[in-house]
């Protein structure tokens, strides 16, 4: 069986690093992305402008030039510099492509093992899916029952405001 590449095995190792600051793609900007992109600039792998790495968080502005505020919280909106954000997007897309490529390579080189793992996954997931489906069905039935009992328990005054159901004219 071929050995997995080190970049794949490194992704699967637990770390003690706890992230605290602003996150971009769920990864800390200050302790991961900025040092990473500074290193890639130093190695001439990227050419991210120095101001984007030096001031990666930027105040957002409205089209008229005024500061943008969050409608819900009233706080000013802070954005990640476009050059940094664009590079993170590229890394994310390449990361996803690498994961897909690795899975495809294993599917080809170890087809039987991959199929066996997929079958085990499906079998192990079936009881969970069945349990969740049953719980959802019971929850929906409980909501319907609660709505019906609420409708039946409405005071007479509340029912007077409801439109009467249409009735067919009586025939003689």
N, C-alpha and C. Protein backbone atom coordinates (compact mmCIF):
# COMPACT_ATOMS: atom_id res chain seq x y z
N UNK A 1 0.85 -1.18 0.00
CA UNK A 1 0.00 0.00 0.00
C UNK A 1 0.89 1.24 0.00
N UNK A 2 0.64 2.23 -0.89
CA UNK A 2 1.48 3.42 -0.94
C UNK A 2 1.29 4.28 0.31
N UNK A 3 2.37 4.94 0.68
CA UNK A 3 2.34 5.82 1.85
C UNK A 3 1.69 7.15 1.48
N UNK A 4 0.86 7.67 2.37
CA UNK A 4 0.20 8.95 2.12
C UNK A 4 1.24 10.07 2.14
N UNK A 5 1.05 11.10 1.34
CA UNK A 5 1.98 12.23 1.35
C UNK A 5 2.00 12.89 2.72
N UNK A 6 3.15 13.48 3.08
CA UNK A 6 3.29 14.10 4.40
C UNK A 6 2.30 15.23 4.61
N UNK A 7 1.94 15.98 3.56
CA UNK A 7 0.99 17.07 3.74
C UNK A 7 -0.39 16.55 4.14
N UNK A 8 -0.72 15.33 3.74
CA UNK A 8 -2.00 14.74 4.14
C UNK A 8 -1.91 14.24 5.58
N UNK A 9 -0.84 13.55 5.93
CA UNK A 9 -0.72 13.05 7.31
C UNK A 9 -0.62 14.21 8.30
N UNK A 10 0.01 15.31 7.91
CA UNK A 10 0.10 16.48 8.80
C UNK A 10 -1.28 17.09 9.05
N UNK A 11 -2.16 17.03 8.06
CA UNK A 11 -3.51 17.58 8.24
C UNK A 11 -4.31 16.78 9.27
N UNK A 12 -3.95 15.53 9.45
CA UNK A 12 -4.72 14.64 10.31
C UNK A 12 -4.18 14.56 11.74
N UNK A 13 -3.09 15.25 12.03
CA UNK A 13 -2.51 15.24 13.37
C UNK A 13 -3.15 16.33 14.23
N UNK A 14 -3.52 15.98 15.47
CA UNK A 14 -4.06 17.02 16.36
C UNK A 14 -2.97 18.00 16.79
N UNK A 15 -3.37 19.23 17.03
CA UNK A 15 -2.43 20.24 17.53
C UNK A 15 -3.02 20.88 18.78
N UNK A 16 -2.16 21.53 19.54
CA UNK A 16 -2.61 22.21 20.75
C UNK A 16 -2.88 23.69 20.50
N UNK A 17 -2.59 24.15 19.31
CA UNK A 17 -2.74 25.58 19.02
C UNK A 17 -4.20 25.99 19.09
N UNK A 18 -4.46 27.00 19.90
CA UNK A 18 -5.81 27.54 19.99
C UNK A 18 -5.83 28.90 19.32
N UNK A 19 -6.80 29.09 18.46
CA UNK A 19 -6.91 30.34 17.72
C UNK A 19 -7.80 31.31 18.49
N UNK A 20 -7.40 32.62 18.50
CA UNK A 20 -8.13 33.58 19.31
C UNK A 20 -8.67 34.78 18.55
N UNK A 21 -8.00 35.21 17.50
CA UNK A 21 -8.34 36.46 16.86
C UNK A 21 -9.33 36.35 15.73
N UNK A 22 -9.31 37.35 14.86
CA UNK A 22 -10.18 37.41 13.69
C UNK A 22 -9.88 36.22 12.78
N UNK A 23 -10.90 35.57 12.35
CA UNK A 23 -10.74 34.39 11.54
C UNK A 23 -11.10 34.68 10.09
N UNK A 24 -10.34 34.06 9.20
CA UNK A 24 -10.63 34.11 7.78
C UNK A 24 -10.63 32.65 7.34
N UNK A 25 -11.77 32.19 6.85
CA UNK A 25 -11.97 30.78 6.51
C UNK A 25 -11.72 29.93 7.75
N UNK A 26 -12.19 30.41 8.89
CA UNK A 26 -12.10 29.74 10.19
C UNK A 26 -10.66 29.55 10.67
N UNK A 27 -9.73 30.29 10.11
CA UNK A 27 -8.32 30.22 10.51
C UNK A 27 -7.90 31.61 10.95
N UNK A 28 -7.15 31.67 12.07
CA UNK A 28 -6.76 32.94 12.66
C UNK A 28 -5.93 33.78 11.68
N UNK A 29 -6.31 35.02 11.51
CA UNK A 29 -5.64 35.93 10.59
C UNK A 29 -4.26 36.31 11.10
N UNK A 30 -4.18 36.72 12.36
CA UNK A 30 -2.94 37.26 12.91
C UNK A 30 -1.85 36.21 13.11
N UNK A 31 -2.23 35.03 13.59
CA UNK A 31 -1.22 34.03 13.92
C UNK A 31 -0.97 33.00 12.83
N UNK A 32 -1.84 32.94 11.82
CA UNK A 32 -1.65 31.94 10.76
C UNK A 32 -1.50 32.60 9.39
N UNK A 33 -2.53 33.32 8.94
CA UNK A 33 -2.50 33.84 7.57
C UNK A 33 -1.42 34.88 7.35
N UNK A 34 -1.30 35.86 8.23
CA UNK A 34 -0.31 36.92 8.02
C UNK A 34 1.11 36.35 8.02
N UNK A 35 1.50 35.52 9.03
CA UNK A 35 2.85 34.93 8.94
C UNK A 35 3.02 34.04 7.70
N UNK A 36 1.99 33.27 7.35
CA UNK A 36 2.08 32.41 6.17
C UNK A 36 2.31 33.23 4.91
N UNK A 37 1.51 34.27 4.72
CA UNK A 37 1.65 35.07 3.51
C UNK A 37 2.92 35.91 3.52
N UNK A 38 3.39 36.31 4.68
CA UNK A 38 4.69 36.99 4.77
C UNK A 38 5.79 36.04 4.31
N UNK A 39 5.69 34.77 4.74
CA UNK A 39 6.67 33.76 4.32
C UNK A 39 6.58 33.50 2.82
N UNK A 40 5.35 33.42 2.28
CA UNK A 40 5.23 33.16 0.84
C UNK A 40 5.73 34.36 0.03
N UNK A 41 5.57 35.57 0.55
CA UNK A 41 6.15 36.74 -0.11
C UNK A 41 7.68 36.67 -0.07
N UNK A 42 8.23 36.28 1.10
CA UNK A 42 9.68 36.19 1.26
C UNK A 42 10.28 35.15 0.30
N UNK A 43 9.52 34.11 0.01
CA UNK A 43 9.98 33.05 -0.89
C UNK A 43 9.59 33.36 -2.35
N UNK A 44 9.03 34.53 -2.59
CA UNK A 44 8.61 34.97 -3.92
C UNK A 44 7.55 34.05 -4.53
N UNK A 45 6.73 33.43 -3.66
CA UNK A 45 5.62 32.60 -4.13
C UNK A 45 4.36 33.44 -4.32
N UNK A 46 4.27 34.53 -3.60
CA UNK A 46 3.16 35.47 -3.73
C UNK A 46 3.73 36.88 -3.78
N UNK A 47 2.89 37.82 -4.15
CA UNK A 47 3.29 39.23 -4.18
C UNK A 47 2.18 40.06 -3.56
N UNK A 48 1.80 39.70 -2.33
CA UNK A 48 0.74 40.43 -1.63
C UNK A 48 1.32 41.77 -1.18
N UNK A 49 0.64 42.87 -1.46
CA UNK A 49 1.17 44.18 -1.08
C UNK A 49 1.46 44.27 0.43
N UNK A 50 2.53 44.97 0.75
CA UNK A 50 2.95 45.09 2.15
C UNK A 50 1.87 45.76 3.01
N UNK A 51 1.15 46.73 2.43
CA UNK A 51 0.11 47.40 3.22
C UNK A 51 -1.02 46.44 3.57
N UNK A 52 -1.29 45.47 2.69
CA UNK A 52 -2.35 44.50 2.97
C UNK A 52 -1.95 43.59 4.13
N UNK A 53 -0.67 43.24 4.20
CA UNK A 53 -0.20 42.40 5.30
C UNK A 53 0.03 43.22 6.56
N UNK A 54 0.39 44.48 6.41
CA UNK A 54 0.64 45.35 7.57
C UNK A 54 -0.63 45.85 8.22
N UNK A 55 -1.68 46.00 7.43
CA UNK A 55 -2.99 46.44 7.94
C UNK A 55 -4.05 45.58 7.28
N UNK A 56 -4.16 44.32 7.70
CA UNK A 56 -5.09 43.40 7.03
C UNK A 56 -6.56 43.67 7.33
N UNK A 57 -6.85 44.36 8.41
CA UNK A 57 -8.24 44.69 8.74
C UNK A 57 -8.48 46.14 8.35
N UNK A 58 -9.54 46.34 7.61
CA UNK A 58 -9.86 47.66 7.06
C UNK A 58 -11.28 48.06 7.42
N UNK A 59 -11.46 49.32 7.66
CA UNK A 59 -12.79 49.88 7.88
C UNK A 59 -13.54 49.85 6.55
N UNK A 60 -14.78 49.43 6.58
CA UNK A 60 -15.60 49.38 5.37
C UNK A 60 -16.28 50.72 5.18
N UNK A 61 -16.43 51.09 3.93
CA UNK A 61 -17.03 52.38 3.59
C UNK A 61 -18.23 52.18 2.69
N UNK A 62 -19.18 53.08 2.83
CA UNK A 62 -20.35 53.11 1.95
C UNK A 62 -19.91 53.68 0.60
N UNK A 63 -20.73 53.51 -0.45
CA UNK A 63 -20.37 54.07 -1.77
C UNK A 63 -20.15 55.58 -1.74
N UNK A 64 -20.82 56.28 -0.81
CA UNK A 64 -20.65 57.73 -0.73
C UNK A 64 -19.41 58.14 0.07
N UNK A 65 -18.64 57.16 0.55
CA UNK A 65 -17.40 57.45 1.28
C UNK A 65 -17.56 57.49 2.79
N UNK A 66 -18.78 57.40 3.30
CA UNK A 66 -18.98 57.40 4.74
C UNK A 66 -18.70 56.01 5.31
N UNK A 67 -18.40 55.96 6.60
CA UNK A 67 -18.11 54.70 7.26
C UNK A 67 -19.36 53.84 7.29
N UNK A 68 -19.21 52.56 7.01
CA UNK A 68 -20.33 51.62 7.01
C UNK A 68 -20.52 51.08 8.43
N UNK A 69 -21.77 51.06 8.89
CA UNK A 69 -22.12 50.51 10.19
C UNK A 69 -23.07 49.33 10.00
N UNK A 70 -22.95 48.36 10.89
CA UNK A 70 -23.83 47.20 10.87
C UNK A 70 -25.22 47.66 11.27
N UNK A 71 -26.22 47.34 10.46
CA UNK A 71 -27.59 47.77 10.72
C UNK A 71 -28.13 47.17 12.01
N UNK A 72 -27.74 45.98 12.32
CA UNK A 72 -28.27 45.28 13.50
C UNK A 72 -27.59 45.71 14.79
N UNK A 73 -26.25 45.79 14.77
CA UNK A 73 -25.52 46.07 16.01
C UNK A 73 -25.09 47.53 16.16
N UNK A 74 -25.03 48.23 15.05
CA UNK A 74 -24.59 49.62 15.09
C UNK A 74 -23.07 49.77 15.14
N UNK A 75 -22.35 48.67 15.09
CA UNK A 75 -20.88 48.73 15.13
C UNK A 75 -20.34 48.99 13.73
N UNK A 76 -19.16 49.61 13.65
CA UNK A 76 -18.56 49.78 12.33
C UNK A 76 -18.20 48.43 11.72
N UNK A 77 -18.31 48.33 10.41
CA UNK A 77 -18.00 47.09 9.70
C UNK A 77 -16.51 47.06 9.40
N UNK A 78 -15.86 45.96 9.76
CA UNK A 78 -14.44 45.76 9.52
C UNK A 78 -14.28 44.65 8.49
N UNK A 79 -13.53 44.89 7.46
CA UNK A 79 -13.30 43.91 6.39
C UNK A 79 -11.83 43.51 6.36
N UNK A 80 -11.57 42.35 5.80
CA UNK A 80 -10.20 41.91 5.57
C UNK A 80 -9.77 42.52 4.24
N UNK A 81 -8.52 42.98 4.16
CA UNK A 81 -8.00 43.58 2.93
C UNK A 81 -8.24 42.63 1.76
N UNK A 82 -8.66 43.20 0.64
CA UNK A 82 -9.02 42.39 -0.52
C UNK A 82 -7.87 41.51 -0.98
N UNK A 83 -6.65 42.00 -0.99
CA UNK A 83 -5.52 41.18 -1.44
C UNK A 83 -5.33 39.96 -0.56
N UNK A 84 -5.51 40.12 0.75
CA UNK A 84 -5.38 38.99 1.68
C UNK A 84 -6.56 38.05 1.49
N UNK A 85 -7.76 38.60 1.42
CA UNK A 85 -8.97 37.80 1.25
C UNK A 85 -8.91 36.99 -0.04
N UNK A 86 -8.46 37.61 -1.12
CA UNK A 86 -8.36 36.91 -2.41
C UNK A 86 -7.36 35.76 -2.33
N UNK A 87 -6.24 35.98 -1.64
CA UNK A 87 -5.23 34.93 -1.53
C UNK A 87 -5.73 33.77 -0.66
N UNK A 88 -6.48 34.09 0.41
CA UNK A 88 -7.07 33.04 1.24
C UNK A 88 -8.05 32.21 0.40
N UNK A 89 -8.83 32.88 -0.43
CA UNK A 89 -9.77 32.17 -1.30
C UNK A 89 -9.03 31.23 -2.24
N UNK A 90 -7.92 31.68 -2.79
CA UNK A 90 -7.12 30.83 -3.68
C UNK A 90 -6.58 29.61 -2.93
N UNK A 91 -6.06 29.83 -1.72
CA UNK A 91 -5.54 28.73 -0.91
C UNK A 91 -6.67 27.74 -0.61
N UNK A 92 -7.85 28.26 -0.25
CA UNK A 92 -8.99 27.40 0.07
C UNK A 92 -9.38 26.55 -1.14
N UNK A 93 -9.44 27.17 -2.31
CA UNK A 93 -9.80 26.44 -3.53
C UNK A 93 -8.75 25.38 -3.85
N UNK A 94 -7.47 25.72 -3.69
CA UNK A 94 -6.40 24.75 -3.95
C UNK A 94 -6.40 23.63 -2.91
N UNK A 95 -6.70 23.98 -1.67
CA UNK A 95 -6.78 22.98 -0.61
C UNK A 95 -7.88 21.97 -0.93
N UNK A 96 -9.04 22.48 -1.31
CA UNK A 96 -10.17 21.62 -1.67
C UNK A 96 -9.79 20.73 -2.85
N UNK A 97 -9.16 21.30 -3.84
CA UNK A 97 -8.74 20.51 -5.00
C UNK A 97 -7.74 19.43 -4.61
N UNK A 98 -6.83 19.73 -3.68
CA UNK A 98 -5.85 18.75 -3.21
C UNK A 98 -6.53 17.60 -2.48
N UNK A 99 -7.52 17.91 -1.66
CA UNK A 99 -8.25 16.85 -0.95
C UNK A 99 -8.99 15.96 -1.95
N UNK A 100 -9.61 16.58 -2.94
CA UNK A 100 -10.33 15.81 -3.95
C UNK A 100 -9.37 14.95 -4.77
N UNK A 101 -8.23 15.52 -5.11
CA UNK A 101 -7.23 14.78 -5.88
C UNK A 101 -6.72 13.59 -5.10
N UNK A 102 -6.44 13.79 -3.82
CA UNK A 102 -5.96 12.69 -2.98
C UNK A 102 -7.01 11.58 -2.91
N UNK A 103 -8.27 11.95 -2.69
CA UNK A 103 -9.34 10.94 -2.62
C UNK A 103 -9.44 10.18 -3.93
N UNK A 104 -9.32 10.86 -5.05
CA UNK A 104 -9.39 10.19 -6.35
C UNK A 104 -8.21 9.26 -6.55
N UNK A 105 -7.03 9.68 -6.09
CA UNK A 105 -5.85 8.82 -6.21
C UNK A 105 -6.04 7.53 -5.41
N UNK A 106 -6.55 7.66 -4.20
CA UNK A 106 -6.78 6.48 -3.36
C UNK A 106 -7.86 5.60 -3.98
N UNK A 107 -8.90 6.22 -4.52
CA UNK A 107 -9.95 5.43 -5.19
C UNK A 107 -9.38 4.59 -6.31
N UNK A 108 -8.40 5.13 -7.04
CA UNK A 108 -7.80 4.39 -8.15
C UNK A 108 -6.79 3.36 -7.66
N UNK A 109 -5.92 3.77 -6.73
CA UNK A 109 -4.83 2.89 -6.31
C UNK A 109 -5.28 1.83 -5.30
N UNK A 110 -6.35 2.10 -4.57
CA UNK A 110 -6.83 1.16 -3.55
C UNK A 110 -8.36 1.08 -3.64
N UNK A 111 -8.84 0.72 -4.80
CA UNK A 111 -10.28 0.72 -5.06
C UNK A 111 -11.04 -0.17 -4.09
N UNK A 112 -10.52 -1.36 -3.81
CA UNK A 112 -11.22 -2.28 -2.90
C UNK A 112 -11.29 -1.70 -1.49
N UNK A 113 -10.18 -1.15 -1.01
CA UNK A 113 -10.16 -0.56 0.32
C UNK A 113 -11.09 0.63 0.44
N UNK A 114 -11.11 1.45 -0.61
CA UNK A 114 -11.99 2.62 -0.62
C UNK A 114 -13.45 2.20 -0.60
N UNK A 115 -13.79 1.23 -1.45
CA UNK A 115 -15.18 0.74 -1.51
C UNK A 115 -15.58 0.12 -0.17
N UNK A 116 -14.66 -0.61 0.45
CA UNK A 116 -14.97 -1.23 1.75
C UNK A 116 -15.22 -0.16 2.80
N UNK A 117 -14.39 0.88 2.81
CA UNK A 117 -14.59 1.97 3.77
C UNK A 117 -15.92 2.69 3.53
N UNK A 118 -16.23 2.94 2.27
CA UNK A 118 -17.50 3.61 1.93
C UNK A 118 -18.69 2.78 2.38
N UNK A 119 -18.62 1.46 2.18
CA UNK A 119 -19.71 0.58 2.61
C UNK A 119 -19.84 0.59 4.13
N UNK A 120 -18.71 0.56 4.84
CA UNK A 120 -18.76 0.63 6.30
C UNK A 120 -19.36 1.96 6.77
N UNK A 121 -19.03 3.04 6.09
CA UNK A 121 -19.58 4.36 6.43
C UNK A 121 -21.10 4.36 6.29
N UNK A 122 -21.58 3.85 5.17
CA UNK A 122 -23.02 3.81 4.91
C UNK A 122 -23.73 2.96 5.96
N UNK A 123 -23.16 1.79 6.24
CA UNK A 123 -23.77 0.88 7.22
C UNK A 123 -23.79 1.50 8.61
N UNK A 124 -22.70 2.14 9.00
CA UNK A 124 -22.63 2.75 10.33
C UNK A 124 -23.54 3.98 10.44
N UNK A 125 -23.75 4.67 9.35
CA UNK A 125 -24.60 5.86 9.37
C UNK A 125 -26.08 5.56 9.32
N UNK A 126 -26.46 4.39 8.82
CA UNK A 126 -27.88 4.06 8.65
C UNK A 126 -28.68 4.16 9.95
N UNK A 127 -28.23 3.59 11.10
CA UNK A 127 -29.03 3.73 12.32
C UNK A 127 -29.19 5.18 12.77
N UNK A 128 -28.17 5.99 12.53
CA UNK A 128 -28.25 7.41 12.91
C UNK A 128 -29.28 8.12 12.04
N UNK A 129 -29.24 7.87 10.75
CA UNK A 129 -30.20 8.48 9.83
C UNK A 129 -31.61 8.03 10.18
N UNK A 130 -31.79 6.73 10.43
CA UNK A 130 -33.11 6.22 10.81
C UNK A 130 -33.61 6.87 12.09
N UNK A 131 -32.73 6.97 13.11
CA UNK A 131 -33.12 7.59 14.38
C UNK A 131 -33.51 9.05 14.18
N UNK A 132 -32.71 9.78 13.39
CA UNK A 132 -33.01 11.19 13.15
C UNK A 132 -34.31 11.35 12.38
N UNK A 133 -34.55 10.49 11.41
CA UNK A 133 -35.81 10.56 10.64
C UNK A 133 -37.01 10.31 11.56
N UNK A 134 -36.88 9.31 12.44
CA UNK A 134 -37.97 9.01 13.38
C UNK A 134 -38.20 10.18 14.34
N UNK A 135 -37.12 10.75 14.85
CA UNK A 135 -37.24 11.89 15.77
C UNK A 135 -37.88 13.08 15.06
N UNK A 136 -37.50 13.31 13.81
CA UNK A 136 -38.08 14.42 13.05
C UNK A 136 -39.57 14.19 12.82
N UNK A 137 -39.94 12.97 12.48
CA UNK A 137 -41.34 12.66 12.25
C UNK A 137 -42.16 12.90 13.52
N UNK A 138 -41.63 12.46 14.67
CA UNK A 138 -42.33 12.67 15.94
C UNK A 138 -42.43 14.16 16.26
N UNK A 139 -41.37 14.91 15.99
CA UNK A 139 -41.39 16.35 16.26
C UNK A 139 -42.42 17.06 15.40
N UNK A 140 -42.52 16.67 14.13
CA UNK A 140 -43.51 17.28 13.24
C UNK A 140 -44.92 16.93 13.70
N UNK A 141 -45.14 15.68 14.06
CA UNK A 141 -46.46 15.28 14.56
C UNK A 141 -46.82 16.04 15.83
N UNK A 142 -45.84 16.25 16.73
CA UNK A 142 -46.09 17.00 17.96
C UNK A 142 -46.45 18.46 17.65
N UNK A 143 -45.77 19.05 16.67
CA UNK A 143 -46.09 20.42 16.28
C UNK A 143 -47.49 20.51 15.70
N UNK A 144 -47.85 19.55 14.88
CA UNK A 144 -49.20 19.54 14.30
C UNK A 144 -50.25 19.41 15.39
N UNK A 145 -50.02 18.49 16.33
CA UNK A 145 -50.96 18.30 17.45
C UNK A 145 -51.07 19.57 18.29
N UNK A 146 -49.95 20.21 18.57
CA UNK A 146 -49.96 21.44 19.37
C UNK A 146 -50.72 22.54 18.64
N UNK A 147 -50.51 22.66 17.34
CA UNK A 147 -51.22 23.68 16.56
C UNK A 147 -52.71 23.41 16.53
N UNK A 148 -53.07 22.13 16.41
CA UNK A 148 -54.50 21.79 16.38
C UNK A 148 -55.14 22.04 17.74
N UNK A 149 -54.44 21.70 18.82
CA UNK A 149 -55.05 21.93 20.14
C UNK A 149 -55.11 23.42 20.45
N UNK A 150 -54.15 24.19 19.96
CA UNK A 150 -54.22 25.65 20.13
C UNK A 150 -55.41 26.21 19.38
N UNK A 151 -55.63 25.70 18.16
CA UNK A 151 -56.75 26.19 17.35
C UNK A 151 -58.08 25.81 18.00
N UNK A 152 -58.17 24.63 18.58
CA UNK A 152 -59.41 24.19 19.23
C UNK A 152 -59.62 24.90 20.56
N UNK A 153 -58.56 25.30 21.20
CA UNK A 153 -58.68 25.94 22.52
C UNK A 153 -58.79 27.44 22.46
N UNK A 154 -58.93 28.04 21.27
CA UNK A 154 -59.05 29.48 21.17
C UNK A 154 -60.33 29.95 21.83
N UNK A 155 -60.26 31.09 22.50
CA UNK A 155 -61.49 31.65 23.08
C UNK A 155 -62.51 31.99 21.98
N UNK A 156 -63.78 32.02 22.37
CA UNK A 156 -64.87 32.27 21.43
C UNK A 156 -64.67 33.60 20.71
N UNK A 157 -64.20 34.63 21.39
CA UNK A 157 -64.01 35.94 20.78
C UNK A 157 -62.98 35.86 19.65
N UNK A 158 -61.93 35.07 19.83
CA UNK A 158 -60.90 34.93 18.80
C UNK A 158 -61.46 34.22 17.59
N UNK A 159 -62.34 33.24 17.82
CA UNK A 159 -62.92 32.51 16.70
C UNK A 159 -63.92 33.36 15.93
N UNK A 160 -64.53 34.36 16.61
CA UNK A 160 -65.48 35.22 15.92
C UNK A 160 -64.79 36.05 14.85
N UNK A 161 -63.50 36.36 15.05
CA UNK A 161 -62.76 37.18 14.09
C UNK A 161 -62.27 36.37 12.89
N UNK A 162 -62.32 35.05 12.98
CA UNK A 162 -61.89 34.22 11.87
C UNK A 162 -62.97 34.23 10.79
N UNK A 163 -62.56 34.20 9.54
CA UNK A 163 -63.57 34.16 8.47
C UNK A 163 -64.28 32.80 8.50
N UNK A 164 -65.54 32.86 8.21
CA UNK A 164 -66.32 31.62 8.21
C UNK A 164 -66.00 30.84 6.96
N UNK A 165 -65.99 29.52 7.06
CA UNK A 165 -65.74 28.71 5.86
C UNK A 165 -66.86 28.90 4.86
N UNK A 166 -66.51 28.84 3.59
CA UNK A 166 -67.52 29.01 2.54
C UNK A 166 -68.43 27.79 2.53
N UNK A 167 -69.71 28.06 2.39
CA UNK A 167 -70.70 26.97 2.36
C UNK A 167 -71.39 26.98 1.02
N UNK A 168 -71.70 25.81 0.58
CA UNK A 168 -72.43 25.72 -0.69
C UNK A 168 -73.89 26.11 -0.43
N UNK A 169 -74.51 26.80 -1.36
CA UNK A 169 -75.91 27.17 -1.18
C UNK A 169 -76.78 25.90 -1.08
N UNK A 170 -77.79 25.97 -0.25
CA UNK A 170 -78.71 24.84 -0.08
C UNK A 170 -79.55 24.68 -1.33
N UNK A 171 -79.78 23.46 -1.69
CA UNK A 171 -80.65 23.20 -2.85
C UNK A 171 -81.99 22.72 -2.35
N UNK A 172 -83.03 23.09 -3.06
CA UNK A 172 -84.39 22.70 -2.66
C UNK A 172 -84.87 21.54 -3.43
